[in-house]
Amino acid sequence: MPPSGPSNRAALLSDLAPAQLGNLDAAAGLLGSAWDIASTTSHEERRRRIRGIRRRDIGRWAAEPSTRRIDELLGGPGRQSLLSRGGRVRALSLA
């Protein structure tokens, strides 16, 4: 089955995040929006992609507030996923 429009949007937003690393808040916001879309469409492949970008491209800023918010949203290391707890996942508001 080909990816849906929302699934493609999640992929696009997550792929743009590494380009925003000069502005960590913007990168985290893109990943948060991508996660929201991927979660509402139950698209596990997109969620894996987002987690990989977080780990590979944003990992060196683990102590930063923006990164910690992403970790909380994604159910980061040692944390139970918001989805598995039945929580509603929403895009990060970093404004």
N, C-alpha and C. Protein backbone atom coordinates (compact mmCIF):
# COMPACT_ATOMS: atom_id res chain seq x y z
N MET A 1 0.84 -1.17 0.00
CA MET A 1 0.00 0.00 0.00
C MET A 1 0.89 1.24 0.00
N PRO A 2 0.70 2.17 -0.93
CA PRO A 2 1.53 3.37 -0.99
C PRO A 2 1.24 4.30 0.20
N PRO A 3 2.24 5.07 0.65
CA PRO A 3 2.04 5.99 1.75
C PRO A 3 0.95 7.01 1.44
N SER A 4 0.21 7.39 2.45
CA SER A 4 -0.86 8.36 2.29
C SER A 4 -0.30 9.78 2.28
N GLY A 5 -1.14 10.75 1.96
CA GLY A 5 -0.74 12.15 1.99
C GLY A 5 -0.20 12.57 3.35
N PRO A 6 -0.95 12.29 4.45
CA PRO A 6 -0.41 12.65 5.77
C PRO A 6 0.90 11.94 6.09
N SER A 7 1.02 10.69 5.68
CA SER A 7 2.26 9.95 5.92
C SER A 7 3.42 10.62 5.19
N ASN A 8 3.19 11.05 3.97
CA ASN A 8 4.23 11.74 3.21
C ASN A 8 4.58 13.07 3.87
N ARG A 9 3.59 13.75 4.43
CA ARG A 9 3.85 15.02 5.12
C ARG A 9 4.72 14.77 6.36
N ALA A 10 4.44 13.70 7.09
CA ALA A 10 5.26 13.36 8.25
C ALA A 10 6.71 13.10 7.82
N ALA A 11 6.89 12.39 6.72
CA ALA A 11 8.24 12.11 6.21
C ALA A 11 8.94 13.41 5.81
N LEU A 12 8.24 14.29 5.14
CA LEU A 12 8.83 15.55 4.70
C LEU A 12 9.25 16.40 5.89
N LEU A 13 8.37 16.54 6.87
CA LEU A 13 8.70 17.35 8.05
C LEU A 13 9.90 16.78 8.80
N SER A 14 9.92 15.45 8.96
CA SER A 14 11.05 14.85 9.68
C SER A 14 12.35 14.99 8.88
N ASP A 15 12.27 14.91 7.56
CA ASP A 15 13.47 15.06 6.74
C ASP A 15 14.01 16.49 6.76
N LEU A 16 13.13 17.46 7.00
CA LEU A 16 13.56 18.86 7.07
C LEU A 16 14.24 19.20 8.40
N ALA A 17 13.96 18.44 9.44
CA ALA A 17 14.47 18.76 10.77
C ALA A 17 16.00 18.89 10.81
N PRO A 18 16.77 17.95 10.24
CA PRO A 18 18.23 18.11 10.31
C PRO A 18 18.74 19.39 9.65
N ALA A 19 18.01 19.89 8.66
CA ALA A 19 18.43 21.13 8.00
C ALA A 19 18.26 22.34 8.93
N GLN A 20 17.50 22.18 10.00
CA GLN A 20 17.23 23.27 10.94
C GLN A 20 18.11 23.21 12.18
N LEU A 21 19.17 22.44 12.16
CA LEU A 21 19.97 22.26 13.37
C LEU A 21 20.63 23.53 13.87
N GLY A 22 20.70 24.55 13.04
CA GLY A 22 21.16 25.85 13.52
C GLY A 22 20.15 26.48 14.47
N ASN A 23 18.92 25.99 14.42
CA ASN A 23 17.85 26.44 15.30
C ASN A 23 17.20 25.19 15.88
N LEU A 24 17.71 24.74 17.01
CA LEU A 24 17.27 23.49 17.60
C LEU A 24 15.77 23.48 17.90
N ASP A 25 15.23 24.63 18.31
CA ASP A 25 13.79 24.71 18.57
C ASP A 25 12.99 24.41 17.30
N ALA A 26 13.44 24.94 16.17
CA ALA A 26 12.75 24.70 14.91
C ALA A 26 12.85 23.23 14.51
N ALA A 27 14.03 22.65 14.68
CA ALA A 27 14.21 21.23 14.35
C ALA A 27 13.30 20.37 15.22
N ALA A 28 13.26 20.67 16.52
CA ALA A 28 12.41 19.91 17.43
C ALA A 28 10.93 20.10 17.08
N GLY A 29 10.55 21.30 16.70
CA GLY A 29 9.17 21.56 16.30
C GLY A 29 8.76 20.75 15.08
N LEU A 30 9.67 20.65 14.10
CA LEU A 30 9.38 19.85 12.91
C LEU A 30 9.23 18.38 13.28
N LEU A 31 10.12 17.88 14.14
CA LEU A 31 10.00 16.48 14.56
C LEU A 31 8.71 16.26 15.35
N GLY A 32 8.35 17.21 16.19
CA GLY A 32 7.11 17.09 16.95
C GLY A 32 5.88 17.06 16.05
N SER A 33 5.87 17.91 15.05
CA SER A 33 4.75 17.91 14.10
C SER A 33 4.71 16.62 13.30
N ALA A 34 5.88 16.16 12.88
CA ALA A 34 5.94 14.89 12.13
C ALA A 34 5.44 13.74 13.00
N TRP A 35 5.83 13.74 14.28
CA TRP A 35 5.39 12.68 15.20
C TRP A 35 3.88 12.68 15.37
N ASP A 36 3.31 13.87 15.49
CA ASP A 36 1.86 14.00 15.64
C ASP A 36 1.15 13.38 14.44
N ILE A 37 1.61 13.72 13.26
CA ILE A 37 0.98 13.19 12.05
C ILE A 37 1.17 11.67 11.97
N ALA A 38 2.39 11.22 12.19
CA ALA A 38 2.67 9.78 12.11
C ALA A 38 1.87 8.99 13.14
N SER A 39 1.65 9.59 14.30
CA SER A 39 0.90 8.89 15.35
C SER A 39 -0.58 8.83 15.06
N THR A 40 -1.13 9.90 14.52
CA THR A 40 -2.56 9.88 14.21
C THR A 40 -2.87 8.99 13.01
N THR A 41 -1.89 8.76 12.17
CA THR A 41 -2.10 7.86 11.04
C THR A 41 -1.61 6.45 11.34
N SER A 42 -1.13 6.23 12.56
CA SER A 42 -0.62 4.91 13.00
C SER A 42 0.41 4.35 12.02
N HIS A 43 1.31 5.18 11.60
CA HIS A 43 2.31 4.78 10.61
C HIS A 43 3.64 4.52 11.32
N GLU A 44 3.90 3.26 11.68
CA GLU A 44 5.08 2.89 12.46
C GLU A 44 6.39 3.18 11.72
N GLU A 45 6.41 3.00 10.41
CA GLU A 45 7.64 3.27 9.65
C GLU A 45 8.05 4.72 9.80
N ARG A 46 7.09 5.63 9.75
CA ARG A 46 7.40 7.06 9.90
C ARG A 46 7.88 7.36 11.32
N ARG A 47 7.26 6.70 12.32
CA ARG A 47 7.70 6.92 13.70
C ARG A 47 9.13 6.44 13.90
N ARG A 48 9.49 5.30 13.31
CA ARG A 48 10.88 4.82 13.39
C ARG A 48 11.83 5.82 12.74
N ARG A 49 11.41 6.38 11.62
CA ARG A 49 12.23 7.36 10.92
C ARG A 49 12.48 8.58 11.80
N ILE A 50 11.44 9.06 12.47
CA ILE A 50 11.55 10.23 13.35
C ILE A 50 12.47 9.93 14.52
N ARG A 51 12.32 8.76 15.13
CA ARG A 51 13.20 8.38 16.24
C ARG A 51 14.66 8.31 15.78
N GLY A 52 14.87 7.80 14.58
CA GLY A 52 16.23 7.71 14.03
C GLY A 52 16.85 9.08 13.82
N ILE A 53 16.08 10.02 13.32
CA ILE A 53 16.58 11.38 13.12
C ILE A 53 16.91 12.01 14.46
N ARG A 54 16.06 11.80 15.44
CA ARG A 54 16.32 12.33 16.79
C ARG A 54 17.64 11.77 17.32
N ARG A 55 17.81 10.47 17.20
CA ARG A 55 19.00 9.81 17.74
C ARG A 55 20.26 10.23 16.97
N ARG A 56 20.19 10.23 15.66
CA ARG A 56 21.36 10.48 14.82
C ARG A 56 21.73 11.96 14.73
N ASP A 57 20.75 12.82 14.55
CA ASP A 57 21.05 14.22 14.25
C ASP A 57 20.92 15.18 15.42
N ILE A 58 20.13 14.81 16.42
CA ILE A 58 19.88 15.73 17.52
C ILE A 58 20.45 15.19 18.83
N GLY A 59 20.97 13.99 18.81
CA GLY A 59 21.47 13.35 20.02
C GLY A 59 22.52 14.12 20.78
N ARG A 60 23.36 14.85 20.08
CA ARG A 60 24.44 15.57 20.78
C ARG A 60 23.93 16.72 21.65
N TRP A 61 22.65 17.09 21.46
CA TRP A 61 22.05 18.15 22.27
C TRP A 61 21.05 17.57 23.27
N ALA A 62 21.34 16.41 23.81
CA ALA A 62 20.41 15.70 24.69
C ALA A 62 20.02 16.52 25.93
N ALA A 63 20.90 17.39 26.39
CA ALA A 63 20.62 18.15 27.61
C ALA A 63 19.78 19.40 27.35
N GLU A 64 19.58 19.75 26.11
CA GLU A 64 18.83 20.97 25.78
C GLU A 64 17.33 20.77 26.02
N PRO A 65 16.63 21.81 26.46
CA PRO A 65 15.19 21.69 26.71
C PRO A 65 14.39 21.21 25.50
N SER A 66 14.71 21.70 24.31
CA SER A 66 13.99 21.28 23.11
C SER A 66 14.13 19.78 22.88
N THR A 67 15.34 19.27 23.09
CA THR A 67 15.59 17.84 22.90
C THR A 67 14.88 17.03 23.96
N ARG A 68 14.88 17.52 25.19
CA ARG A 68 14.18 16.80 26.25
C ARG A 68 12.67 16.75 25.98
N ARG A 69 12.11 17.83 25.43
CA ARG A 69 10.68 17.81 25.07
C ARG A 69 10.40 16.78 23.99
N ILE A 70 11.30 16.70 23.01
CA ILE A 70 11.14 15.68 21.96
C ILE A 70 11.23 14.29 22.57
N ASP A 71 12.17 14.08 23.47
CA ASP A 71 12.31 12.78 24.12
C ASP A 71 11.05 12.40 24.87
N GLU A 72 10.46 13.35 25.54
CA GLU A 72 9.21 13.08 26.26
C GLU A 72 8.09 12.71 25.28
N LEU A 73 8.01 13.45 24.19
CA LEU A 73 6.99 13.18 23.18
C LEU A 73 7.18 11.81 22.55
N LEU A 74 8.43 11.46 22.26
CA LEU A 74 8.71 10.20 21.59
C LEU A 74 8.78 9.02 22.56
N GLY A 75 8.64 9.30 23.85
CA GLY A 75 8.81 8.23 24.82
C GLY A 75 10.27 7.85 24.90
N GLY A 76 11.14 8.85 25.07
CA GLY A 76 12.59 8.71 25.01
C GLY A 76 13.17 7.62 25.88
N PRO A 77 14.48 7.54 25.91
CA PRO A 77 15.18 6.47 26.63
C PRO A 77 14.69 6.33 28.07
N GLY A 78 14.28 5.13 28.44
CA GLY A 78 13.84 4.88 29.79
C GLY A 78 12.43 5.36 30.10
N ARG A 79 11.76 5.91 29.13
CA ARG A 79 10.41 6.40 29.35
C ARG A 79 9.42 5.55 28.59
N GLN A 80 8.27 5.38 29.19
CA GLN A 80 7.20 4.64 28.52
C GLN A 80 6.58 5.57 27.48
N SER A 81 6.29 5.06 26.32
CA SER A 81 5.72 5.87 25.25
C SER A 81 4.38 6.48 25.67
N LEU A 82 4.17 7.71 25.26
CA LEU A 82 2.87 8.35 25.50
C LEU A 82 1.75 7.54 24.87
N LEU A 83 2.02 6.98 23.71
CA LEU A 83 0.98 6.20 23.04
C LEU A 83 0.63 4.94 23.82
N SER A 84 1.64 4.28 24.39
CA SER A 84 1.35 3.05 25.11
C SER A 84 0.63 3.33 26.43
N ARG A 85 0.73 4.57 26.91
CA ARG A 85 0.00 4.96 28.11
C ARG A 85 -1.39 5.45 27.77
N GLY A 86 -1.73 5.49 26.49
CA GLY A 86 -3.05 5.95 26.06
C GLY A 86 -3.15 7.45 25.96
N GLY A 87 -2.02 8.14 26.02
CA GLY A 87 -2.04 9.60 25.92
C GLY A 87 -2.22 10.05 24.49
N ARG A 88 -2.77 11.24 24.34
CA ARG A 88 -2.93 11.82 23.02
C ARG A 88 -1.66 12.58 22.70
N VAL A 89 -1.08 12.30 21.56
CA VAL A 89 0.16 12.94 21.16
C VAL A 89 -0.19 14.16 20.30
N ARG A 90 0.44 15.28 20.65
CA ARG A 90 0.22 16.51 19.89
C ARG A 90 1.57 17.09 19.52
N ALA A 91 1.55 17.92 18.49
CA ALA A 91 2.80 18.57 18.06
C ALA A 91 3.28 19.49 19.18
N LEU A 92 4.57 19.65 19.26
CA LEU A 92 5.15 20.52 20.26
C LEU A 92 4.86 21.98 19.92
N SER A 93 4.57 22.73 20.93
CA SER A 93 4.45 24.17 20.76
C SER A 93 5.68 24.78 21.40
N LEU A 94 6.59 25.26 20.58
CA LEU A 94 7.85 25.77 21.09
C LEU A 94 7.91 27.30 21.04
N ALA A 95 6.79 27.90 20.80
CA ALA A 95 6.75 29.37 20.71
C ALA A 95 6.82 30.01 22.08
